[in-house]
Amino acid sequence: MKCSESIHTASDGKSIFVRTWLPSGAPKAVLLIAHGMAEHGARYERFASVMTEVGWAVVAPDHRGHGKTAAKGELGWFADRDGFFRIRDDLHEIAIGLRETYKPAPLFLYGHSMGSVLAETYIAAYGQDLSGCALSGVVEPMAPLLLAVGKLIAVIGCLFKGQRKQAKMLDTMGFSAYNKDFEPARTKVDWLSRDPAEVEKYVSDPLCGFICSFGFYRDFFAGIASLYDKRGSFDSVPKSLPIYIFAGAEDPAGGAKGWVPRLAEKLKAAGIQSVETRLYPGARHEVINEINRDEVMRDLRDWFGLRVSRA
């Protein structure tokens, strides 16, 4: 596996840091990864090694406000406005370049956690670019009233404290309950994985686990609202696009709440012809960093591999 780093200059001039892992020969397919909130693309290197072994190229940008894309003072902040959709369009711009660079290799998208929400908005806008999409750690939408309250707090915070100010109240509202089922917990993020070594890696990584800003939440809530505040948000997803949704059955973000089958039903109701799901008993949020990660990554690799044979 060969790893390289590059900069994608977005259409608004923002520099996006991109990691690319390549197989030894010409890639048979390309996988674009949308990582989750308060993490970065380098955390997907282990899964990239699994995919490059079977001839795939894997590309993981650091989103705005994350990883090496975040300039000083930008960690946990997207953009002055429409930041969530700006990241979706960053992914699309990168995808256009990948299709040109690696043609005729088919292009796939994999989104985790916040990245799964990004991927959902992506397939609604640009799904015709893809040969398949996988979603992990899917996030159950907030109840309408709670979402409205969150949006109001984010907007007021932006106005009076500044959109780059850490939104500690919203961070508590969003994550304080996630660890409750795993008490007594060693850390505040034991809900991520049963593997203490993986949890420790996350805790000790200065580019993980930071508190996001009022501007971040304003834009993230706007992205969620675009999918679930109205009917028909998935109607524009290509009906033939294969989608795979998988999660830990003990994932408090969605898997433990029945969100995987409900999301699948929403997609099927929109006419999507191939929607497959998988829940892993006992697993938590970061399934590719779980104690059964070899099984999870093998299943994901095989799902993608079957889609390549059909593409």
C-alpha atoms as a PDB file:
ATOM      1  CA  MET A   1       0.000   0.000   0.000  1.00  0.00           C
ATOM      2  CA  LYS A   2       1.270   3.420  -0.970  1.00  0.00           C
ATOM      3  CA  CYS A   3       0.074   6.511   0.893  1.00  0.00           C
ATOM      4  CA  SER A   4       0.249  10.054  -0.438  1.00  0.00           C
ATOM      5  CA  GLU A   5      -0.961  13.437   0.753  1.00  0.00           C
ATOM      6  CA  SER A   6      -2.278  16.281  -1.352  1.00  0.00           C
ATOM      7  CA  ILE A   7      -4.272  19.497  -1.222  1.00  0.00           C
ATOM      8  CA  HIS A   8      -7.556  19.964  -3.031  1.00  0.00           C
ATOM      9  CA  THR A   9      -8.341  23.640  -3.618  1.00  0.00           C
ATOM     10  CA  ALA A  10     -12.097  23.978  -3.309  1.00  0.00           C
ATOM     11  CA  SER A  11     -14.143  26.238  -5.549  1.00  0.00           C
ATOM     12  CA  ASP A  12     -14.237  28.896  -2.811  1.00  0.00           C
ATOM     13  CA  GLY A  13     -10.446  28.756  -2.379  1.00  0.00           C
ATOM     14  CA  LYS A  14     -10.338  26.658   0.803  1.00  0.00           C
ATOM     15  CA  SER A  15      -7.464  24.151   0.969  1.00  0.00           C
ATOM     16  CA  ILE A  16      -8.703  20.635   1.763  1.00  0.00           C
ATOM     17  CA  PHE A  17      -6.140  18.100   3.010  1.00  0.00           C
ATOM     18  CA  VAL A  18      -6.520  14.714   1.299  1.00  0.00           C
ATOM     19  CA  ARG A  19      -4.949  11.305   2.010  1.00  0.00           C
ATOM     20  CA  THR A  20      -4.818   8.680  -0.721  1.00  0.00           C
ATOM     21  CA  TRP A  21      -3.917   5.021  -0.311  1.00  0.00           C
ATOM     22  CA  LEU A  22      -3.148   3.126  -3.506  1.00  0.00           C
ATOM     23  CA  PRO A  23      -2.755  -0.561  -4.385  1.00  0.00           C
ATOM     24  CA  SER A  24       0.299  -1.863  -6.209  1.00  0.00           C
ATOM     25  CA  GLY A  25      -1.411  -1.865  -9.610  1.00  0.00           C
ATOM     26  CA  ALA A  26      -4.098   0.146 -11.365  1.00  0.00           C
ATOM     27  CA  PRO A  27      -7.114   0.501  -9.027  1.00  0.00           C
ATOM     28  CA  LYS A  28     -10.126  -1.628  -9.895  1.00  0.00           C
ATOM     29  CA  ALA A  29     -12.366   0.810  -7.963  1.00  0.00           C
ATOM     30  CA  VAL A  30     -12.121   3.983  -5.864  1.00  0.00           C
ATOM     31  CA  LEU A  31     -13.560   4.554  -2.396  1.00  0.00           C
ATOM     32  CA  LEU A  32     -14.135   8.092  -1.096  1.00  0.00           C
ATOM     33  CA  ILE A  33     -14.506   8.300   2.699  1.00  0.00           C
ATOM     34  CA  ALA A  34     -16.505  10.903   4.633  1.00  0.00           C
ATOM     35  CA  HIS A  35     -15.260  10.708   8.222  1.00  0.00           C
ATOM     36  CA  GLY A  36     -17.207  11.571  11.351  1.00  0.00           C
ATOM     37  CA  MET A  37     -17.427  14.518  13.699  1.00  0.00           C
ATOM     38  CA  ALA A  38     -14.339  15.429  15.742  1.00  0.00           C
ATOM     39  CA  GLU A  39     -12.045  12.948  14.007  1.00  0.00           C
ATOM     40  CA  HIS A  40     -10.067  12.841  10.730  1.00  0.00           C
ATOM     41  CA  GLY A  41      -9.232  10.751   7.683  1.00  0.00           C
ATOM     42  CA  ALA A  42      -6.010   9.185   8.994  1.00  0.00           C
ATOM     43  CA  ARG A  43      -8.085   7.035  11.350  1.00  0.00           C
ATOM     44  CA  TYR A  44      -9.242   4.998   8.339  1.00  0.00           C
ATOM     45  CA  GLU A  45      -5.770   3.765   7.374  1.00  0.00           C
ATOM     46  CA  ARG A  46      -6.356   0.253   8.714  1.00  0.00           C
ATOM     47  CA  PHE A  47      -9.505  -0.139   6.633  1.00  0.00           C
ATOM     48  CA  ALA A  48      -7.675   1.389   3.654  1.00  0.00           C
ATOM     49  CA  SER A  49      -5.076  -1.389   3.936  1.00  0.00           C
ATOM     50  CA  VAL A  50      -7.870  -3.975   3.708  1.00  0.00           C
ATOM     51  CA  MET A  51      -9.215  -2.358   0.555  1.00  0.00           C
ATOM     52  CA  THR A  52      -5.866  -1.744  -1.166  1.00  0.00           C
ATOM     53  CA  GLU A  53      -5.035  -5.441  -0.703  1.00  0.00           C
ATOM     54  CA  VAL A  54      -7.914  -6.236  -3.070  1.00  0.00           C
ATOM     55  CA  GLY A  55      -6.964  -3.543  -5.572  1.00  0.00           C
ATOM     56  CA  TRP A  56      -8.905  -0.479  -4.459  1.00  0.00           C
ATOM     57  CA  ALA A  57      -7.776   3.120  -4.159  1.00  0.00           C
ATOM     58  CA  VAL A  58      -9.017   4.773  -0.949  1.00  0.00           C
ATOM     59  CA  VAL A  59      -9.284   8.552  -0.539  1.00  0.00           C
ATOM     60  CA  ALA A  60     -10.042  10.308   2.765  1.00  0.00           C
ATOM     61  CA  PRO A  61     -10.209  14.111   2.931  1.00  0.00           C
ATOM     62  CA  ASP A  62     -10.128  15.891   6.269  1.00  0.00           C
ATOM     63  CA  HIS A  63     -13.367  17.887   6.338  1.00  0.00           C
ATOM     64  CA  ARG A  64     -13.397  21.610   6.993  1.00  0.00           C
ATOM     65  CA  GLY A  65     -12.862  22.234  10.684  1.00  0.00           C
ATOM     66  CA  HIS A  66     -11.173  18.854  11.095  1.00  0.00           C
ATOM     67  CA  GLY A  67      -7.715  17.290  10.943  1.00  0.00           C
ATOM     68  CA  LYS A  68      -5.090  18.953   8.813  1.00  0.00           C
ATOM     69  CA  THR A  69      -7.678  20.956   6.867  1.00  0.00           C
ATOM     70  CA  ALA A  70      -8.438  23.053   9.955  1.00  0.00           C
ATOM     71  CA  ALA A  71      -6.242  26.147  10.103  1.00  0.00           C
ATOM     72  CA  LYS A  72      -5.479  27.815  13.427  1.00  0.00           C
ATOM     73  CA  GLY A  73      -8.730  28.652  15.175  1.00  0.00           C
ATOM     74  CA  GLU A  74     -10.828  26.523  12.807  1.00  0.00           C
ATOM     75  CA  LEU A  75     -11.010  23.208  14.657  1.00  0.00           C
ATOM     76  CA  GLY A  76     -14.689  22.388  15.087  1.00  0.00           C
ATOM     77  CA  TRP A  77     -15.901  25.131  12.734  1.00  0.00           C
ATOM     78  CA  PHE A  78     -17.012  24.633   9.123  1.00  0.00           C
ATOM     79  CA  ALA A  79     -17.449  27.951   7.333  1.00  0.00           C
ATOM     80  CA  ASP A  80     -19.048  31.394   7.592  1.00  0.00           C
ATOM     81  CA  ARG A  81     -22.269  29.987   6.159  1.00  0.00           C
ATOM     82  CA  ASP A  82     -23.738  26.771   4.719  1.00  0.00           C
ATOM     83  CA  GLY A  83     -20.746  24.829   6.009  1.00  0.00           C
ATOM     84  CA  PHE A  84     -22.361  21.388   5.972  1.00  0.00           C
ATOM     85  CA  PHE A  85     -23.374  21.696   2.328  1.00  0.00           C
ATOM     86  CA  ARG A  86     -19.987  23.204   1.534  1.00  0.00           C
ATOM     87  CA  ILE A  87     -18.377  19.969   2.781  1.00  0.00           C
ATOM     88  CA  ARG A  88     -20.814  17.902   0.733  1.00  0.00           C
ATOM     89  CA  ASP A  89     -19.742  19.902  -2.315  1.00  0.00           C
ATOM     90  CA  ASP A  90     -16.058  19.538  -1.382  1.00  0.00           C
ATOM     91  CA  LEU A  91     -16.610  15.789  -1.579  1.00  0.00           C
ATOM     92  CA  HIS A  92     -18.288  16.169  -4.960  1.00  0.00           C
ATOM     93  CA  GLU A  93     -15.443  18.279  -6.336  1.00  0.00           C
ATOM     94  CA  ILE A  94     -12.930  15.701  -5.128  1.00  0.00           C
ATOM     95  CA  ALA A  95     -15.075  12.942  -6.642  1.00  0.00           C
ATOM     96  CA  ILE A  96     -15.016  14.657 -10.041  1.00  0.00           C
ATOM     97  CA  GLY A  97     -11.224  14.617  -9.953  1.00  0.00           C
ATOM     98  CA  LEU A  98     -11.124  10.976  -8.878  1.00  0.00           C
ATOM     99  CA  ARG A  99     -13.401   9.906 -11.706  1.00  0.00           C
ATOM    100  CA  GLU A 100     -11.144  11.634 -14.195  1.00  0.00           C
ATOM    101  CA  THR A 101      -7.889  10.338 -12.659  1.00  0.00           C
ATOM    102  CA  TYR A 102      -8.926   6.706 -12.261  1.00  0.00           C
ATOM    103  CA  LYS A 103     -11.450   6.183 -15.041  1.00  0.00           C
ATOM    104  CA  PRO A 104     -12.945   3.741 -15.875  1.00  0.00           C
ATOM    105  CA  ALA A 105     -12.757   2.519 -12.241  1.00  0.00           C
ATOM    106  CA  PRO A 106     -16.151   2.893 -10.518  1.00  0.00           C
ATOM    107  CA  LEU A 107     -16.482   5.295  -7.601  1.00  0.00           C
ATOM    108  CA  PHE A 108     -18.018   4.435  -4.201  1.00  0.00           C
ATOM    109  CA  LEU A 109     -18.749   6.489  -1.087  1.00  0.00           C
ATOM    110  CA  TYR A 110     -18.447   5.446   2.560  1.00  0.00           C
ATOM    111  CA  GLY A 111     -19.712   7.742   5.322  1.00  0.00           C
ATOM    112  CA  HIS A 112     -19.410   7.216   9.074  1.00  0.00           C
ATOM    113  CA  SER A 113     -21.454   8.973  11.795  1.00  0.00           C
ATOM    114  CA  MET A 114     -21.612  12.658  10.792  1.00  0.00           C
ATOM    115  CA  GLY A 115     -20.090  11.435   7.539  1.00  0.00           C
ATOM    116  CA  SER A 116     -23.112   9.179   7.061  1.00  0.00           C
ATOM    117  CA  VAL A 117     -25.351  12.259   7.171  1.00  0.00           C
ATOM    118  CA  LEU A 118     -23.026  13.943   4.667  1.00  0.00           C
ATOM    119  CA  ALA A 119     -23.246  10.827   2.501  1.00  0.00           C
ATOM    120  CA  GLU A 120     -27.048  10.869   2.685  1.00  0.00           C
ATOM    121  CA  THR A 121     -27.119  14.463   1.446  1.00  0.00           C
ATOM    122  CA  TYR A 122     -24.505  13.549  -1.186  1.00  0.00           C
ATOM    123  CA  ILE A 123     -26.498  10.697  -2.710  1.00  0.00           C
ATOM    124  CA  ALA A 124     -29.583  12.934  -2.820  1.00  0.00           C
ATOM    125  CA  ALA A 125     -27.645  15.574  -4.769  1.00  0.00           C
ATOM    126  CA  TYR A 126     -24.947  13.662  -6.664  1.00  0.00           C
ATOM    127  CA  GLY A 127     -25.834   9.981  -6.389  1.00  0.00           C
ATOM    128  CA  GLN A 128     -25.579   9.523 -10.145  1.00  0.00           C
ATOM    129  CA  ASP A 129     -21.768   9.770  -9.733  1.00  0.00           C
ATOM    130  CA  LEU A 130     -21.596   6.628  -7.608  1.00  0.00           C
ATOM    131  CA  SER A 131     -21.730   2.855  -8.016  1.00  0.00           C
ATOM    132  CA  GLY A 132     -22.610   2.277  -4.355  1.00  0.00           C
ATOM    133  CA  CYS A 133     -22.731   3.872  -0.911  1.00  0.00           C
ATOM    134  CA  ALA A 134     -22.089   2.440   2.575  1.00  0.00           C
ATOM    135  CA  LEU A 135     -23.202   4.109   5.799  1.00  0.00           C
ATOM    136  CA  SER A 136     -21.923   3.218   9.281  1.00  0.00           C
ATOM    137  CA  GLY A 137     -22.680   4.614  12.717  1.00  0.00           C
ATOM    138  CA  VAL A 138     -25.824   6.204  11.315  1.00  0.00           C
ATOM    139  CA  VAL A 139     -27.193   8.986  13.508  1.00  0.00           C
ATOM    140  CA  GLU A 140     -30.827   9.004  14.567  1.00  0.00           C
ATOM    141  CA  PRO A 141     -32.298  12.484  13.867  1.00  0.00           C
ATOM    142  CA  MET A 142     -33.234  14.599  16.849  1.00  0.00           C
ATOM    143  CA  ALA A 143     -36.906  14.932  17.701  1.00  0.00           C
ATOM    144  CA  PRO A 144     -38.384  17.977  15.882  1.00  0.00           C
ATOM    145  CA  LEU A 145     -38.786  20.043  19.066  1.00  0.00           C
ATOM    146  CA  LEU A 146     -35.280  19.239  20.295  1.00  0.00           C
ATOM    147  CA  LEU A 147     -33.852  20.013  16.842  1.00  0.00           C
ATOM    148  CA  ALA A 148     -35.658  23.360  16.832  1.00  0.00           C
ATOM    149  CA  VAL A 149     -34.260  24.186  20.275  1.00  0.00           C
ATOM    150  CA  GLY A 150     -30.775  23.164  19.184  1.00  0.00           C
ATOM    151  CA  LYS A 151     -30.972  25.297  16.050  1.00  0.00           C
ATOM    152  CA  LEU A 152     -32.135  28.287  18.125  1.00  0.00           C
ATOM    153  CA  ILE A 153     -29.294  27.893  20.639  1.00  0.00           C
ATOM    154  CA  ALA A 154     -26.774  27.616  17.786  1.00  0.00           C
ATOM    155  CA  VAL A 155     -28.068  30.737  16.038  1.00  0.00           C
ATOM    156  CA  ILE A 156     -28.162  32.772  19.256  1.00  0.00           C
ATOM    157  CA  GLY A 157     -24.660  31.561  20.133  1.00  0.00           C
ATOM    158  CA  CYS A 158     -23.373  32.630  16.713  1.00  0.00           C
ATOM    159  CA  LEU A 159     -24.913  36.079  17.146  1.00  0.00           C
ATOM    160  CA  PHE A 160     -23.786  36.823  20.684  1.00  0.00           C
ATOM    161  CA  LYS A 161     -20.671  34.700  21.241  1.00  0.00           C
ATOM    162  CA  GLY A 162     -19.364  34.203  17.709  1.00  0.00           C
ATOM    163  CA  GLN A 163     -19.724  31.234  15.409  1.00  0.00           C
ATOM    164  CA  ARG A 164     -16.255  29.873  16.243  1.00  0.00           C
ATOM    165  CA  LYS A 165     -16.904  29.794  19.996  1.00  0.00           C
ATOM    166  CA  GLN A 166     -17.121  26.299  21.492  1.00  0.00           C
ATOM    167  CA  ALA A 167     -20.751  25.302  22.059  1.00  0.00           C
ATOM    168  CA  LYS A 168     -20.373  23.431  25.341  1.00  0.00           C
ATOM    169  CA  MET A 169     -24.119  23.305  26.022  1.00  0.00           C
ATOM    170  CA  LEU A 170     -24.849  21.754  22.632  1.00  0.00           C
ATOM    171  CA  ASP A 171     -21.983  19.316  23.074  1.00  0.00           C
ATOM    172  CA  THR A 172     -23.527  18.201  26.368  1.00  0.00           C
ATOM    173  CA  MET A 173     -27.005  17.960  24.821  1.00  0.00           C
ATOM    174  CA  GLY A 174     -25.647  15.824  22.002  1.00  0.00           C
ATOM    175  CA  PHE A 175     -23.272  13.453  23.784  1.00  0.00           C
ATOM    176  CA  SER A 176     -23.860  13.434  27.537  1.00  0.00           C
ATOM    177  CA  ALA A 177     -26.305  10.540  27.328  1.00  0.00           C
ATOM    178  CA  TYR A 178     -24.195   8.349  25.063  1.00  0.00           C
ATOM    179  CA  ASN A 179     -21.962   6.994  27.841  1.00  0.00           C
ATOM    180  CA  LYS A 180     -24.739   6.293  30.353  1.00  0.00           C
ATOM    181  CA  ASP A 181     -25.349   2.732  29.216  1.00  0.00           C
ATOM    182  CA  PHE A 182     -21.655   1.925  29.675  1.00  0.00           C
ATOM    183  CA  GLU A 183     -21.173   3.136  33.234  1.00  0.00           C
ATOM    184  CA  PRO A 184     -18.989   2.767  35.141  1.00  0.00           C
ATOM    185  CA  ALA A 185     -16.968   4.114  32.230  1.00  0.00           C
ATOM    186  CA  ARG A 186     -13.224   4.629  32.111  1.00  0.00           C
ATOM    187  CA  THR A 187     -13.502   7.639  29.766  1.00  0.00           C
ATOM    188  CA  LYS A 188     -16.180   9.972  28.420  1.00  0.00           C
ATOM    189  CA  VAL A 189     -16.095   8.158  25.076  1.00  0.00           C
ATOM    190  CA  ASP A 190     -16.355   4.493  26.044  1.00  0.00           C
ATOM    191  CA  TRP A 191     -19.463   4.466  23.836  1.00  0.00           C
ATOM    192  CA  LEU A 192     -17.183   4.485  20.781  1.00  0.00           C
ATOM    193  CA  SER A 193     -15.805   0.942  21.149  1.00  0.00           C
ATOM    194  CA  ARG A 194     -15.445  -2.033  23.503  1.00  0.00           C
ATOM    195  CA  ASP A 195     -11.715  -2.027  22.744  1.00  0.00           C
ATOM    196  CA  PRO A 196      -9.981   0.130  25.400  1.00  0.00           C
ATOM    197  CA  ALA A 197      -6.895   0.515  23.207  1.00  0.00           C
ATOM    198  CA  GLU A 198      -8.995   2.086  20.436  1.00  0.00           C
ATOM    199  CA  VAL A 199     -10.733   4.380  22.910  1.00  0.00           C
ATOM    200  CA  GLU A 200      -7.346   5.434  24.267  1.00  0.00           C
ATOM    201  CA  LYS A 201      -6.102   6.227  20.757  1.00  0.00           C
ATOM    202  CA  TYR A 202      -9.067   8.535  20.292  1.00  0.00           C
ATOM    203  CA  VAL A 203      -8.655  10.209  23.693  1.00  0.00           C
ATOM    204  CA  SER A 204      -4.924  10.812  23.182  1.00  0.00           C
ATOM    205  CA  ASP A 205      -5.309  12.193  19.636  1.00  0.00           C
ATOM    206  CA  PRO A 206      -5.276  16.032  19.740  1.00  0.00           C
ATOM    207  CA  LEU A 207      -7.333  16.078  16.531  1.00  0.00           C
ATOM    208  CA  CYS A 208     -10.140  13.986  18.033  1.00  0.00           C
ATOM    209  CA  GLY A 209     -12.823  14.640  20.606  1.00  0.00           C
ATOM    210  CA  PHE A 210     -12.760  18.440  20.531  1.00  0.00           C
ATOM    211  CA  ILE A 211     -15.858  20.511  21.317  1.00  0.00           C
ATOM    212  CA  CYS A 212     -17.409  21.912  18.167  1.00  0.00           C
ATOM    213  CA  SER A 213     -18.549  25.483  17.659  1.00  0.00           C
ATOM    214  CA  PHE A 214     -21.897  27.242  17.500  1.00  0.00           C
ATOM    215  CA  GLY A 215     -21.338  27.670  13.753  1.00  0.00           C
ATOM    216  CA  PHE A 216     -20.693  23.948  13.385  1.00  0.00           C
ATOM    217  CA  TYR A 217     -23.971  23.051  15.078  1.00  0.00           C
ATOM    218  CA  ARG A 218     -25.890  25.681  13.126  1.00  0.00           C
ATOM    219  CA  ASP A 219     -24.680  24.109   9.877  1.00  0.00           C
ATOM    220  CA  PHE A 220     -24.944  20.482  11.035  1.00  0.00           C
ATOM    221  CA  PHE A 221     -28.533  20.980  12.173  1.00  0.00           C
ATOM    222  CA  ALA A 222     -29.287  22.533   8.786  1.00  0.00           C
ATOM    223  CA  GLY A 223     -27.948  19.403   7.098  1.00  0.00           C
ATOM    224  CA  ILE A 224     -30.069  17.112   9.257  1.00  0.00           C
ATOM    225  CA  ALA A 225     -33.123  19.286   8.699  1.00  0.00           C
ATOM    226  CA  SER A 226     -32.660  19.121   4.935  1.00  0.00           C
ATOM    227  CA  LEU A 227     -33.047  15.345   5.109  1.00  0.00           C
ATOM    228  CA  TYR A 228     -35.703  14.844   7.748  1.00  0.00           C
ATOM    229  CA  ASP A 229     -37.725  18.046   8.127  1.00  0.00           C
ATOM    230  CA  LYS A 230     -39.593  17.384   4.913  1.00  0.00           C
ATOM    231  CA  ARG A 231     -40.917  14.525   2.849  1.00  0.00           C
ATOM    232  CA  GLY A 232     -39.244  13.368  -0.308  1.00  0.00           C
ATOM    233  CA  SER A 233     -35.666  14.163   0.701  1.00  0.00           C
ATOM    234  CA  PHE A 234     -34.475  10.836  -0.756  1.00  0.00           C
ATOM    235  CA  ASP A 235     -36.642  10.959  -3.876  1.00  0.00           C
ATOM    236  CA  SER A 236     -33.732  12.241  -5.964  1.00  0.00           C
ATOM    237  CA  VAL A 237     -31.425   9.349  -4.990  1.00  0.00           C
ATOM    238  CA  PRO A 238     -30.902   7.113  -8.059  1.00  0.00           C
ATOM    239  CA  LYS A 239     -33.215   4.125  -7.674  1.00  0.00           C
ATOM    240  CA  SER A 240     -30.518   1.682  -8.783  1.00  0.00           C
ATOM    241  CA  LEU A 241     -27.864   2.917  -6.317  1.00  0.00           C
ATOM    242  CA  PRO A 242     -26.899   0.055  -3.927  1.00  0.00           C
ATOM    243  CA  ILE A 243     -26.818   1.160  -0.272  1.00  0.00           C
ATOM    244  CA  TYR A 244     -25.420  -0.739   2.721  1.00  0.00           C
ATOM    245  CA  ILE A 245     -26.243   0.420   6.264  1.00  0.00           C
ATOM    246  CA  PHE A 246     -24.374  -1.176   9.160  1.00  0.00           C
ATOM    247  CA  ALA A 247     -23.903  -0.355  12.817  1.00  0.00           C
ATOM    248  CA  GLY A 248     -23.228  -1.705  16.265  1.00  0.00           C
ATOM    249  CA  ALA A 249     -26.353  -2.983  17.976  1.00  0.00           C
ATOM    250  CA  GLU A 250     -25.240  -1.108  21.137  1.00  0.00           C
ATOM    251  CA  ASP A 251     -24.426   2.140  19.332  1.00  0.00           C
ATOM    252  CA  PRO A 252     -26.265   4.893  21.251  1.00  0.00           C
ATOM    253  CA  ALA A 253     -26.148   7.238  18.255  1.00  0.00           C
ATOM    254  CA  GLY A 254     -28.564   5.123  16.259  1.00  0.00           C
ATOM    255  CA  GLY A 255     -27.929   1.392  16.156  1.00  0.00           C
ATOM    256  CA  ALA A 256     -29.385   0.813  19.624  1.00  0.00           C
ATOM    257  CA  LYS A 257     -32.411   2.972  18.826  1.00  0.00           C
ATOM    258  CA  GLY A 258     -33.722   1.067  15.827  1.00  0.00           C
ATOM    259  CA  TRP A 259     -32.558   3.712  13.379  1.00  0.00           C
ATOM    260  CA  VAL A 260     -30.864   1.287  10.963  1.00  0.00           C
ATOM    261  CA  PRO A 261     -34.077  -0.467   9.839  1.00  0.00           C
ATOM    262  CA  ARG A 262     -36.048   2.788   9.920  1.00  0.00           C
ATOM    263  CA  LEU A 263     -33.534   4.543   7.676  1.00  0.00           C
ATOM    264  CA  ALA A 264     -33.595   1.537   5.358  1.00  0.00           C
ATOM    265  CA  GLU A 265     -37.384   1.783   5.147  1.00  0.00           C
ATOM    266  CA  LYS A 266     -37.184   5.489   4.299  1.00  0.00           C
ATOM    267  CA  LEU A 267     -34.807   4.711   1.442  1.00  0.00           C
ATOM    268  CA  LYS A 268     -36.937   1.826   0.193  1.00  0.00           C
ATOM    269  CA  ALA A 269     -40.029   4.040   0.360  1.00  0.00           C
ATOM    270  CA  ALA A 270     -38.205   6.450  -1.969  1.00  0.00           C
ATOM    271  CA  GLY A 271     -37.864   3.612  -4.480  1.00  0.00           C
ATOM    272  CA  ILE A 272     -34.251   2.595  -3.811  1.00  0.00           C
ATOM    273  CA  GLN A 273     -34.075  -0.959  -5.118  1.00  0.00           C
ATOM    274  CA  SER A 274     -31.110  -2.360  -3.165  1.00  0.00           C
ATOM    275  CA  VAL A 275     -30.821  -1.459   0.524  1.00  0.00           C
ATOM    276  CA  GLU A 276     -29.017  -3.923   2.803  1.00  0.00           C
ATOM    277  CA  THR A 277     -28.502  -3.674   6.566  1.00  0.00           C
ATOM    278  CA  ARG A 278     -26.353  -5.313   9.223  1.00  0.00           C
ATOM    279  CA  LEU A 279     -26.291  -4.929  13.002  1.00  0.00           C
ATOM    280  CA  TYR A 280     -23.351  -6.337  14.979  1.00  0.00           C
ATOM    281  CA  PRO A 281     -24.401  -7.635  18.416  1.00  0.00           C
ATOM    282  CA  GLY A 282     -22.562  -5.970  21.285  1.00  0.00           C
ATOM    283  CA  ALA A 283     -20.712  -3.500  19.072  1.00  0.00           C
ATOM    284  CA  ARG A 284     -20.762   0.238  19.740  1.00  0.00           C
ATOM    285  CA  HIS A 285     -20.349   3.291  17.519  1.00  0.00           C
ATOM    286  CA  GLU A 286     -17.054   2.857  15.658  1.00  0.00           C
ATOM    287  CA  VAL A 287     -17.627  -0.606  14.227  1.00  0.00           C
ATOM    288  CA  ILE A 288     -14.399  -0.661  12.197  1.00  0.00           C
ATOM    289  CA  ASN A 289     -12.516   0.016  15.458  1.00  0.00           C
ATOM    290  CA  GLU A 290     -14.426  -2.595  17.471  1.00  0.00           C
ATOM    291  CA  ILE A 291     -13.122  -5.858  18.916  1.00  0.00           C
ATOM    292  CA  ASN A 292     -14.793  -7.642  15.968  1.00  0.00           C
ATOM    293  CA  ARG A 293     -13.366  -5.173  13.446  1.00  0.00           C
ATOM    294  CA  ASP A 294     -11.876  -7.898  11.241  1.00  0.00           C
ATOM    295  CA  GLU A 295     -15.345  -9.329  10.685  1.00  0.00           C
ATOM    296  CA  VAL A 296     -16.834  -5.870  10.075  1.00  0.00           C
ATOM    297  CA  MET A 297     -14.149  -4.829   7.606  1.00  0.00           C
ATOM    298  CA  ARG A 298     -14.340  -8.159   5.788  1.00  0.00           C
ATOM    299  CA  ASP A 299     -18.102  -7.809   5.407  1.00  0.00           C
ATOM    300  CA  LEU A 300     -17.727  -4.250   4.127  1.00  0.00           C
ATOM    301  CA  ARG A 301     -14.948  -5.249   1.723  1.00  0.00           C
ATOM    302  CA  ASP A 302     -17.069  -8.100   0.378  1.00  0.00           C
ATOM    303  CA  TRP A 303     -20.114  -5.872  -0.062  1.00  0.00           C
ATOM    304  CA  PHE A 304     -18.084  -3.371  -2.065  1.00  0.00           C
ATOM    305  CA  GLY A 305     -16.438  -6.168  -4.033  1.00  0.00           C
ATOM    306  CA  LEU A 306     -19.772  -7.575  -5.134  1.00  0.00           C
ATOM    307  CA  ARG A 307     -20.886  -4.125  -6.276  1.00  0.00           C
ATOM    308  CA  VAL A 308     -17.723  -3.771  -8.384  1.00  0.00           C
ATOM    309  CA  SER A 309     -18.488  -7.020 -10.173  1.00  0.00           C
ATOM    310  CA  ARG A 310     -21.913  -5.626 -11.037  1.00  0.00           C
ATOM    311  CA  ALA A 311     -20.808  -2.080 -11.905  1.00  0.00           C
END
